[in-house]
Amino acid sequence: MAKPASIKIRLNSTADTGFFYVTKKNARTMTENLVLKKNDPVVLKHVEFKAGKIMKDRPSRFDYRSARSQGPGVSRFGPPSSRRRAAADRQALRETTLLRPAALAS
């Protein structure tokens, strides 16, 4: 499968406000770094925006599929034993909170 010509880039403000735009650029024809003058609404001025990479903060769909393909009983939330242990901890916490007022009354 061919690689797409256009890629997504993040235009970061040079005014250090944290504001950014997301846009596309043709990676084949524009090989140099992109610098555009655009409006930064935080400082209410036109400033230069420089191209940067888009960071992925969540796993891809492939990561979830690989957990499913390992078979039943395995999930992305951990092995079944840790889920059972967490359920047992929740049950013990419920029991102690229900018994605590009665123990204090006597």
N, C-alpha and C. Protein backbone atom coordinates (compact mmCIF):
# COMPACT_ATOMS: atom_id res chain seq x y z
N MET A 1 0.84 -1.17 0.00
CA MET A 1 0.00 0.00 0.00
C MET A 1 0.89 1.24 0.00
N ALA A 2 0.51 2.23 -0.76
CA ALA A 2 1.33 3.43 -0.92
C ALA A 2 1.18 4.36 0.29
N LYS A 3 2.24 5.08 0.55
CA LYS A 3 2.24 6.05 1.64
C LYS A 3 1.50 7.31 1.17
N PRO A 4 0.63 7.90 1.99
CA PRO A 4 -0.10 9.09 1.54
C PRO A 4 0.82 10.28 1.35
N ALA A 5 0.48 11.15 0.41
CA ALA A 5 1.30 12.32 0.12
C ALA A 5 1.14 13.39 1.19
N SER A 6 -0.06 13.53 1.73
CA SER A 6 -0.29 14.57 2.73
C SER A 6 -0.21 13.98 4.13
N ILE A 7 0.43 14.73 5.03
CA ILE A 7 0.55 14.31 6.42
C ILE A 7 0.00 15.42 7.30
N LYS A 8 -0.48 15.05 8.47
CA LYS A 8 -0.97 16.04 9.42
C LYS A 8 0.22 16.58 10.21
N ILE A 9 0.23 17.89 10.41
CA ILE A 9 1.26 18.52 11.22
C ILE A 9 0.59 19.44 12.23
N ARG A 10 1.34 19.76 13.25
CA ARG A 10 0.86 20.65 14.30
C ARG A 10 1.65 21.95 14.20
N LEU A 11 0.97 23.06 14.05
CA LEU A 11 1.63 24.37 14.00
C LEU A 11 1.62 24.96 15.41
N ASN A 12 2.80 25.01 16.04
CA ASN A 12 2.93 25.51 17.41
C ASN A 12 3.26 27.00 17.40
N SER A 13 2.65 27.74 18.31
CA SER A 13 2.87 29.17 18.41
C SER A 13 4.27 29.46 18.95
N THR A 14 4.96 30.45 18.35
CA THR A 14 6.27 30.84 18.85
C THR A 14 6.16 31.81 20.02
N ALA A 15 4.93 32.23 20.37
CA ALA A 15 4.72 33.13 21.51
C ALA A 15 4.68 32.36 22.83
N ASP A 16 4.90 31.04 22.77
CA ASP A 16 4.90 30.16 23.97
C ASP A 16 3.61 30.24 24.77
N THR A 17 2.48 30.27 24.07
CA THR A 17 1.19 30.28 24.74
C THR A 17 0.59 28.88 24.83
N GLY A 18 1.15 27.95 24.07
CA GLY A 18 0.60 26.60 24.04
C GLY A 18 -0.48 26.42 22.99
N PHE A 19 -0.84 27.48 22.30
CA PHE A 19 -1.88 27.38 21.28
C PHE A 19 -1.29 26.77 20.02
N PHE A 20 -2.10 25.98 19.31
CA PHE A 20 -1.61 25.35 18.09
C PHE A 20 -2.75 25.16 17.11
N TYR A 21 -2.39 25.04 15.85
CA TYR A 21 -3.30 24.67 14.78
C TYR A 21 -2.89 23.30 14.27
N VAL A 22 -3.84 22.54 13.74
CA VAL A 22 -3.53 21.28 13.07
C VAL A 22 -3.90 21.44 11.61
N THR A 23 -2.97 21.11 10.73
CA THR A 23 -3.20 21.26 9.30
C THR A 23 -2.47 20.13 8.56
N LYS A 24 -2.66 20.09 7.26
CA LYS A 24 -2.00 19.09 6.43
C LYS A 24 -0.96 19.75 5.57
N LYS A 25 0.07 18.99 5.22
CA LYS A 25 1.04 19.47 4.24
C LYS A 25 1.44 18.30 3.35
N ASN A 26 1.80 18.62 2.13
CA ASN A 26 2.26 17.61 1.20
C ASN A 26 3.73 17.34 1.49
N ALA A 27 4.01 16.15 1.97
CA ALA A 27 5.37 15.80 2.39
C ALA A 27 6.32 15.67 1.21
N ARG A 28 5.81 15.42 0.02
CA ARG A 28 6.68 15.25 -1.14
C ARG A 28 7.14 16.58 -1.73
N THR A 29 6.24 17.56 -1.76
CA THR A 29 6.60 18.83 -2.39
C THR A 29 7.15 19.84 -1.40
N MET A 30 6.74 19.77 -0.14
CA MET A 30 7.22 20.71 0.88
C MET A 30 8.07 19.95 1.89
N THR A 31 9.33 19.77 1.58
CA THR A 31 10.20 18.99 2.46
C THR A 31 10.79 19.82 3.59
N GLU A 32 10.83 21.15 3.45
CA GLU A 32 11.39 22.00 4.51
C GLU A 32 10.32 22.23 5.60
N ASN A 33 10.77 22.75 6.73
CA ASN A 33 9.84 23.03 7.83
C ASN A 33 8.92 24.16 7.47
N LEU A 34 7.67 24.02 7.84
CA LEU A 34 6.65 25.01 7.51
C LEU A 34 6.60 26.07 8.61
N VAL A 35 6.64 27.34 8.21
CA VAL A 35 6.51 28.46 9.15
C VAL A 35 5.48 29.39 8.56
N LEU A 36 4.38 29.61 9.29
CA LEU A 36 3.30 30.49 8.82
C LEU A 36 3.02 31.55 9.88
N LYS A 37 2.55 32.70 9.41
CA LYS A 37 2.12 33.75 10.33
C LYS A 37 0.61 33.66 10.44
N LYS A 38 0.14 33.35 11.65
CA LYS A 38 -1.30 33.19 11.89
C LYS A 38 -1.66 33.89 13.19
N ASN A 39 -2.95 33.97 13.44
CA ASN A 39 -3.44 34.65 14.64
C ASN A 39 -3.33 33.73 15.84
N ASP A 40 -2.79 34.26 16.93
CA ASP A 40 -2.76 33.55 18.21
C ASP A 40 -3.79 34.22 19.12
N PRO A 41 -4.93 33.57 19.39
CA PRO A 41 -5.98 34.23 20.17
C PRO A 41 -5.62 34.46 21.64
N VAL A 42 -4.58 33.82 22.13
CA VAL A 42 -4.19 34.02 23.53
C VAL A 42 -3.54 35.40 23.71
N VAL A 43 -2.64 35.76 22.80
CA VAL A 43 -1.98 37.07 22.89
C VAL A 43 -2.64 38.12 22.00
N LEU A 44 -3.65 37.71 21.22
CA LEU A 44 -4.39 38.60 20.32
C LEU A 44 -3.48 39.30 19.32
N LYS A 45 -2.56 38.53 18.73
CA LYS A 45 -1.64 39.06 17.73
C LYS A 45 -1.39 38.02 16.66
N HIS A 46 -0.85 38.46 15.53
CA HIS A 46 -0.35 37.54 14.53
C HIS A 46 1.09 37.20 14.89
N VAL A 47 1.36 35.92 15.05
CA VAL A 47 2.71 35.45 15.38
C VAL A 47 3.08 34.32 14.45
N GLU A 48 4.34 33.95 14.43
CA GLU A 48 4.79 32.84 13.62
C GLU A 48 4.43 31.52 14.28
N PHE A 49 4.01 30.58 13.48
CA PHE A 49 3.71 29.23 13.92
C PHE A 49 4.67 28.30 13.19
N LYS A 50 5.36 27.44 13.94
CA LYS A 50 6.31 26.51 13.34
C LYS A 50 5.75 25.10 13.40
N ALA A 51 6.08 24.33 12.38
CA ALA A 51 5.55 22.96 12.26
C ALA A 51 6.20 22.05 13.29
N GLY A 52 5.41 21.16 13.84
CA GLY A 52 5.88 20.15 14.78
C GLY A 52 5.11 18.86 14.57
N LYS A 53 5.51 17.84 15.29
CA LYS A 53 4.84 16.55 15.15
C LYS A 53 3.60 16.49 16.02
N ILE A 54 2.63 15.72 15.56
CA ILE A 54 1.42 15.48 16.35
C ILE A 54 1.72 14.32 17.28
N MET A 55 1.52 14.51 18.58
CA MET A 55 1.79 13.46 19.56
C MET A 55 0.53 12.63 19.76
N LYS A 56 0.71 11.33 19.79
CA LYS A 56 -0.41 10.44 20.07
C LYS A 56 -0.42 10.14 21.56
N ASP A 57 -1.54 10.41 22.20
CA ASP A 57 -1.62 10.21 23.64
C ASP A 57 -2.43 8.99 24.02
N ARG A 58 -2.92 8.26 23.06
CA ARG A 58 -3.67 7.05 23.37
C ARG A 58 -3.20 5.93 22.45
N PRO A 59 -3.35 4.70 22.88
CA PRO A 59 -2.89 3.59 22.04
C PRO A 59 -3.72 3.46 20.78
N SER A 60 -3.13 2.87 19.78
CA SER A 60 -3.84 2.70 18.53
C SER A 60 -4.86 1.57 18.64
N ARG A 61 -5.68 1.43 17.61
CA ARG A 61 -6.68 0.35 17.63
C ARG A 61 -6.00 -1.00 17.61
N PHE A 62 -4.83 -1.09 17.04
CA PHE A 62 -4.13 -2.36 16.94
C PHE A 62 -3.82 -2.92 18.33
N ASP A 63 -3.51 -2.05 19.30
CA ASP A 63 -3.19 -2.51 20.64
C ASP A 63 -4.39 -3.21 21.28
N TYR A 64 -5.60 -2.70 21.05
CA TYR A 64 -6.78 -3.34 21.61
C TYR A 64 -7.07 -4.66 20.91
N ARG A 65 -6.85 -4.73 19.62
CA ARG A 65 -7.07 -5.97 18.89
C ARG A 65 -6.11 -7.05 19.34
N SER A 66 -4.87 -6.69 19.59
CA SER A 66 -3.89 -7.69 19.99
C SER A 66 -4.27 -8.29 21.35
N ALA A 67 -4.86 -7.51 22.24
CA ALA A 67 -5.30 -8.05 23.53
C ALA A 67 -6.46 -9.02 23.32
N ARG A 68 -7.35 -8.69 22.37
CA ARG A 68 -8.48 -9.58 22.12
C ARG A 68 -8.03 -10.87 21.44
N SER A 69 -6.99 -10.79 20.63
CA SER A 69 -6.58 -11.97 19.88
C SER A 69 -5.85 -12.99 20.75
N GLN A 70 -5.52 -12.65 21.99
CA GLN A 70 -4.82 -13.58 22.85
C GLN A 70 -5.76 -14.61 23.47
N GLY A 71 -7.04 -14.43 23.29
CA GLY A 71 -7.99 -15.42 23.74
C GLY A 71 -8.88 -14.91 24.85
N PRO A 72 -9.85 -15.73 25.25
CA PRO A 72 -10.76 -15.30 26.31
C PRO A 72 -10.03 -15.26 27.65
N GLY A 73 -10.47 -14.39 28.50
CA GLY A 73 -9.85 -14.28 29.82
C GLY A 73 -8.73 -13.27 29.87
N VAL A 74 -8.25 -12.81 28.74
CA VAL A 74 -7.20 -11.80 28.71
C VAL A 74 -7.81 -10.54 28.15
N SER A 75 -7.69 -9.47 28.87
CA SER A 75 -8.20 -8.20 28.37
C SER A 75 -7.14 -7.14 28.57
N ARG A 76 -7.41 -5.95 28.06
CA ARG A 76 -6.44 -4.88 28.21
C ARG A 76 -6.42 -4.34 29.64
N PHE A 77 -7.32 -4.82 30.50
CA PHE A 77 -7.37 -4.36 31.88
C PHE A 77 -6.58 -5.27 32.81
N GLY A 78 -5.91 -6.27 32.28
CA GLY A 78 -5.09 -7.14 33.10
C GLY A 78 -5.62 -8.56 33.12
N PRO A 79 -4.85 -9.45 33.71
CA PRO A 79 -5.27 -10.85 33.76
C PRO A 79 -6.47 -11.03 34.68
N PRO A 80 -7.19 -12.14 34.53
CA PRO A 80 -8.39 -12.36 35.36
C PRO A 80 -8.09 -12.37 36.85
N SER A 81 -6.91 -12.85 37.25
CA SER A 81 -6.60 -12.92 38.67
C SER A 81 -6.59 -11.54 39.31
N SER A 82 -6.05 -10.53 38.61
CA SER A 82 -6.02 -9.19 39.19
C SER A 82 -7.43 -8.60 39.26
N ARG A 83 -8.29 -8.96 38.29
CA ARG A 83 -9.67 -8.46 38.36
C ARG A 83 -10.41 -9.09 39.53
N ARG A 84 -10.16 -10.40 39.76
CA ARG A 84 -10.81 -11.05 40.90
C ARG A 84 -10.31 -10.45 42.22
N ARG A 85 -9.02 -10.17 42.28
CA ARG A 85 -8.45 -9.59 43.49
C ARG A 85 -9.06 -8.22 43.75
N ALA A 86 -9.25 -7.42 42.70
CA ALA A 86 -9.84 -6.10 42.86
C ALA A 86 -11.29 -6.22 43.32
N ALA A 87 -12.02 -7.20 42.79
CA ALA A 87 -13.41 -7.40 43.22
C ALA A 87 -13.45 -7.83 44.69
N ALA A 88 -12.51 -8.68 45.10
CA ALA A 88 -12.47 -9.11 46.51
C ALA A 88 -12.13 -7.93 47.42
N ASP A 89 -11.24 -7.06 46.98
CA ASP A 89 -10.90 -5.87 47.78
C ASP A 89 -12.10 -4.95 47.93
N ARG A 90 -12.86 -4.77 46.84
CA ARG A 90 -14.06 -3.93 46.93
C ARG A 90 -15.08 -4.53 47.88
N GLN A 91 -15.25 -5.87 47.83
CA GLN A 91 -16.20 -6.53 48.72
C GLN A 91 -15.76 -6.38 50.18
N ALA A 92 -14.48 -6.54 50.46
CA ALA A 92 -13.98 -6.39 51.83
C ALA A 92 -14.18 -4.96 52.32
N LEU A 93 -13.99 -3.99 51.45
CA LEU A 93 -14.20 -2.60 51.83
C LEU A 93 -15.67 -2.34 52.15
N ARG A 94 -16.56 -2.91 51.36
CA ARG A 94 -18.00 -2.75 51.64
C ARG A 94 -18.36 -3.35 52.99
N GLU A 95 -17.83 -4.54 53.27
CA GLU A 95 -18.16 -5.21 54.53
C GLU A 95 -17.63 -4.42 55.72
N THR A 96 -16.43 -3.86 55.62
CA THR A 96 -15.89 -3.11 56.76
C THR A 96 -16.65 -1.82 56.97
N THR A 97 -17.11 -1.18 55.90
CA THR A 97 -17.87 0.05 56.09
C THR A 97 -19.26 -0.23 56.64
N LEU A 98 -19.82 -1.41 56.32
CA LEU A 98 -21.12 -1.76 56.88
C LEU A 98 -21.01 -2.16 58.35
N LEU A 99 -19.92 -2.81 58.73
CA LEU A 99 -19.76 -3.27 60.10
C LEU A 99 -19.21 -2.20 61.02
N ARG A 100 -18.57 -1.19 60.49
CA ARG A 100 -17.93 -0.19 61.33
C ARG A 100 -18.91 0.56 62.23
N PRO A 101 -20.08 1.05 61.74
CA PRO A 101 -20.98 1.77 62.65
C PRO A 101 -21.51 0.87 63.77
N ALA A 102 -21.77 -0.39 63.52
CA ALA A 102 -22.26 -1.30 64.55
C ALA A 102 -21.17 -1.54 65.61
N ALA A 103 -19.93 -1.65 65.18
CA ALA A 103 -18.84 -1.90 66.12
C ALA A 103 -18.62 -0.68 67.01
N LEU A 104 -18.83 0.51 66.48
CA LEU A 104 -18.65 1.72 67.27
C LEU A 104 -19.78 1.93 68.26
N ALA A 105 -20.98 1.41 67.94
CA ALA A 105 -22.14 1.60 68.80
C ALA A 105 -22.03 0.75 70.06
N SER A 106 -21.39 -0.43 69.98
CA SER A 106 -21.33 -1.29 71.17
C SER A 106 -20.14 -1.05 72.04
